[in-house]
Amino acid sequence: MFIYKNIITIEPGKRSGKPCIRNMRITTDDILRMLAADMSVEEILEDFPELGREDVLTAVEFSGLEGEV
């Protein structure tokens, strides 16, 4: 089920129901942890070529809205 900008999905049986990127197993928390570990967006995209820049930016945006969605 898409819940935010057709990018963030939540499925009860996947990653314990945590918000994921486009039905993948990469959670918004995973992306935030990578950024907190000083990875750049470009480095994340190199490590995870299935992600797009919009996916990473939407995860960051969603993290600020999560309590409201």
N, C-alpha and C. Protein backbone atom coordinates (compact mmCIF):
# COMPACT_ATOMS: atom_id res chain seq x y z
N MET A 1 0.83 -1.17 0.00
CA MET A 1 0.00 0.00 0.00
C MET A 1 0.88 1.24 0.00
N PHE A 2 0.71 2.11 -0.99
CA PHE A 2 1.45 3.36 -1.03
C PHE A 2 0.80 4.34 -0.07
N ILE A 3 1.63 5.01 0.71
CA ILE A 3 1.05 5.97 1.64
C ILE A 3 1.60 7.38 1.46
N TYR A 4 2.68 7.54 0.71
CA TYR A 4 3.24 8.88 0.56
C TYR A 4 3.92 9.02 -0.79
N LYS A 5 3.41 9.89 -1.60
CA LYS A 5 3.98 10.24 -2.90
C LYS A 5 4.25 9.04 -3.81
N ASN A 6 3.50 7.98 -3.64
CA ASN A 6 3.70 6.75 -4.43
C ASN A 6 5.12 6.22 -4.34
N ILE A 7 5.80 6.52 -3.25
CA ILE A 7 7.16 6.03 -3.03
C ILE A 7 7.25 5.24 -1.73
N ILE A 8 6.68 5.76 -0.67
CA ILE A 8 6.74 5.09 0.63
C ILE A 8 5.60 4.08 0.73
N THR A 9 5.95 2.86 1.06
CA THR A 9 4.96 1.80 1.21
C THR A 9 5.08 1.16 2.59
N ILE A 10 3.96 0.66 3.07
CA ILE A 10 3.95 -0.08 4.33
C ILE A 10 3.19 -1.37 4.10
N GLU A 11 3.86 -2.48 4.40
CA GLU A 11 3.23 -3.80 4.29
C GLU A 11 3.46 -4.52 5.62
N PRO A 12 2.39 -5.01 6.23
CA PRO A 12 2.52 -5.62 7.56
C PRO A 12 3.59 -6.71 7.66
N GLY A 13 3.77 -7.54 6.66
CA GLY A 13 4.73 -8.64 6.75
C GLY A 13 6.13 -8.31 6.29
N LYS A 14 6.36 -7.10 5.84
CA LYS A 14 7.67 -6.73 5.30
C LYS A 14 8.37 -5.77 6.25
N ARG A 15 9.57 -6.15 6.68
CA ARG A 15 10.40 -5.33 7.57
C ARG A 15 9.61 -4.86 8.79
N SER A 16 8.82 -5.76 9.32
CA SER A 16 8.01 -5.50 10.53
C SER A 16 7.05 -4.33 10.36
N GLY A 17 6.61 -4.11 9.14
CA GLY A 17 5.65 -3.04 8.89
C GLY A 17 6.23 -1.65 8.84
N LYS A 18 7.56 -1.55 8.79
CA LYS A 18 8.21 -0.24 8.72
C LYS A 18 8.02 0.35 7.32
N PRO A 19 8.01 1.68 7.23
CA PRO A 19 7.88 2.32 5.91
C PRO A 19 9.08 1.97 5.03
N CYS A 20 8.80 1.50 3.82
CA CYS A 20 9.82 1.09 2.86
C CYS A 20 9.74 1.95 1.60
N ILE A 21 10.75 1.83 0.78
CA ILE A 21 10.79 2.54 -0.49
C ILE A 21 10.24 1.62 -1.58
N ARG A 22 9.19 2.05 -2.23
CA ARG A 22 8.58 1.40 -3.40
C ARG A 22 8.55 -0.14 -3.31
N ASN A 23 8.00 -0.66 -2.26
CA ASN A 23 7.85 -2.11 -2.08
C ASN A 23 9.17 -2.86 -1.96
N MET A 24 10.28 -2.16 -1.83
CA MET A 24 11.57 -2.82 -1.61
C MET A 24 11.71 -3.11 -0.12
N ARG A 25 12.81 -3.70 0.24
CA ARG A 25 13.08 -3.99 1.64
C ARG A 25 13.98 -2.93 2.25
N ILE A 26 14.14 -1.81 1.59
CA ILE A 26 14.93 -0.70 2.10
C ILE A 26 13.97 0.25 2.81
N THR A 27 14.18 0.44 4.11
CA THR A 27 13.27 1.28 4.88
C THR A 27 13.74 2.73 4.87
N THR A 28 12.81 3.60 5.25
CA THR A 28 13.18 5.01 5.39
C THR A 28 14.23 5.14 6.49
N ASP A 29 14.13 4.33 7.54
CA ASP A 29 15.14 4.35 8.60
C ASP A 29 16.52 3.95 8.07
N ASP A 30 16.57 2.97 7.18
CA ASP A 30 17.85 2.57 6.58
C ASP A 30 18.52 3.77 5.91
N ILE A 31 17.73 4.51 5.15
CA ILE A 31 18.27 5.67 4.43
C ILE A 31 18.73 6.74 5.41
N LEU A 32 17.92 7.00 6.43
CA LEU A 32 18.30 8.01 7.42
C LEU A 32 19.57 7.62 8.17
N ARG A 33 19.71 6.33 8.46
CA ARG A 33 20.93 5.86 9.13
C ARG A 33 22.16 6.03 8.24
N MET A 34 22.00 5.77 6.95
CA MET A 34 23.13 5.97 6.03
C MET A 34 23.53 7.43 5.98
N LEU A 35 22.55 8.31 5.91
CA LEU A 35 22.84 9.75 5.89
C LEU A 35 23.48 10.19 7.20
N ALA A 36 23.00 9.66 8.32
CA ALA A 36 23.57 10.00 9.63
C ALA A 36 25.01 9.51 9.77
N ALA A 37 25.34 8.46 9.01
CA ALA A 37 26.71 7.92 9.02
C ALA A 37 27.59 8.66 8.02
N ASP A 38 27.13 9.84 7.59
CA ASP A 38 27.87 10.72 6.67
C ASP A 38 27.98 10.20 5.25
N MET A 39 27.10 9.28 4.85
CA MET A 39 27.06 8.90 3.44
C MET A 39 26.34 10.01 2.68
N SER A 40 26.84 10.33 1.52
CA SER A 40 26.17 11.32 0.69
C SER A 40 25.05 10.63 -0.10
N VAL A 41 24.16 11.43 -0.65
CA VAL A 41 23.10 10.87 -1.49
C VAL A 41 23.73 10.09 -2.64
N GLU A 42 24.78 10.63 -3.22
CA GLU A 42 25.46 9.96 -4.33
C GLU A 42 26.02 8.61 -3.92
N GLU A 43 26.59 8.52 -2.72
CA GLU A 43 27.13 7.24 -2.24
C GLU A 43 26.01 6.22 -2.02
N ILE A 44 24.89 6.68 -1.49
CA ILE A 44 23.74 5.78 -1.30
C ILE A 44 23.27 5.26 -2.65
N LEU A 45 23.18 6.14 -3.63
CA LEU A 45 22.73 5.73 -4.96
C LEU A 45 23.72 4.77 -5.63
N GLU A 46 25.00 4.94 -5.35
CA GLU A 46 26.00 4.00 -5.89
C GLU A 46 25.85 2.63 -5.24
N ASP A 47 25.62 2.60 -3.92
CA ASP A 47 25.48 1.33 -3.20
C ASP A 47 24.16 0.64 -3.48
N PHE A 48 23.14 1.42 -3.78
CA PHE A 48 21.80 0.88 -4.03
C PHE A 48 21.27 1.44 -5.35
N PRO A 49 21.74 0.91 -6.46
CA PRO A 49 21.35 1.47 -7.77
C PRO A 49 19.86 1.36 -8.08
N GLU A 50 19.14 0.53 -7.33
CA GLU A 50 17.70 0.43 -7.53
C GLU A 50 16.95 1.65 -6.97
N LEU A 51 17.65 2.46 -6.17
CA LEU A 51 17.07 3.68 -5.63
C LEU A 51 17.32 4.84 -6.58
N GLY A 52 16.44 5.80 -6.53
CA GLY A 52 16.63 7.04 -7.26
C GLY A 52 16.78 8.19 -6.26
N ARG A 53 17.28 9.31 -6.74
CA ARG A 53 17.46 10.48 -5.88
C ARG A 53 16.13 10.86 -5.21
N GLU A 54 15.04 10.79 -5.96
CA GLU A 54 13.73 11.14 -5.40
C GLU A 54 13.36 10.20 -4.25
N ASP A 55 13.74 8.94 -4.34
CA ASP A 55 13.47 7.99 -3.25
C ASP A 55 14.15 8.44 -1.96
N VAL A 56 15.41 8.81 -2.07
CA VAL A 56 16.19 9.23 -0.89
C VAL A 56 15.60 10.52 -0.31
N LEU A 57 15.33 11.48 -1.16
CA LEU A 57 14.80 12.75 -0.68
C LEU A 57 13.40 12.59 -0.08
N THR A 58 12.60 11.72 -0.66
CA THR A 58 11.26 11.47 -0.11
C THR A 58 11.36 10.78 1.25
N ALA A 59 12.32 9.89 1.43
CA ALA A 59 12.51 9.25 2.74
C ALA A 59 12.83 10.28 3.81
N VAL A 60 13.67 11.24 3.46
CA VAL A 60 14.02 12.30 4.42
C VAL A 60 12.79 13.15 4.71
N GLU A 61 12.08 13.53 3.67
CA GLU A 61 10.87 14.33 3.85
C GLU A 61 9.84 13.59 4.68
N PHE A 62 9.64 12.32 4.37
CA PHE A 62 8.66 11.50 5.10
C PHE A 62 9.02 11.39 6.58
N SER A 63 10.29 11.32 6.89
CA SER A 63 10.69 11.17 8.30
C SER A 63 10.21 12.33 9.15
N GLY A 64 10.09 13.51 8.55
CA GLY A 64 9.58 14.66 9.28
C GLY A 64 8.07 14.67 9.37
N LEU A 65 7.40 13.89 8.54
CA LEU A 65 5.94 13.86 8.50
C LEU A 65 5.35 12.61 9.13
N GLU A 66 6.19 11.66 9.49
CA GLU A 66 5.72 10.33 9.86
C GLU A 66 4.63 10.36 10.94
N GLY A 67 4.74 11.24 11.91
CA GLY A 67 3.72 11.31 12.94
C GLY A 67 2.40 11.85 12.45
N GLU A 68 2.42 12.53 11.29
CA GLU A 68 1.21 13.14 10.75
C GLU A 68 0.49 12.24 9.75
N VAL A 69 1.19 11.28 9.16
CA VAL A 69 0.60 10.44 8.10
C VAL A 69 -0.20 9.33 8.71
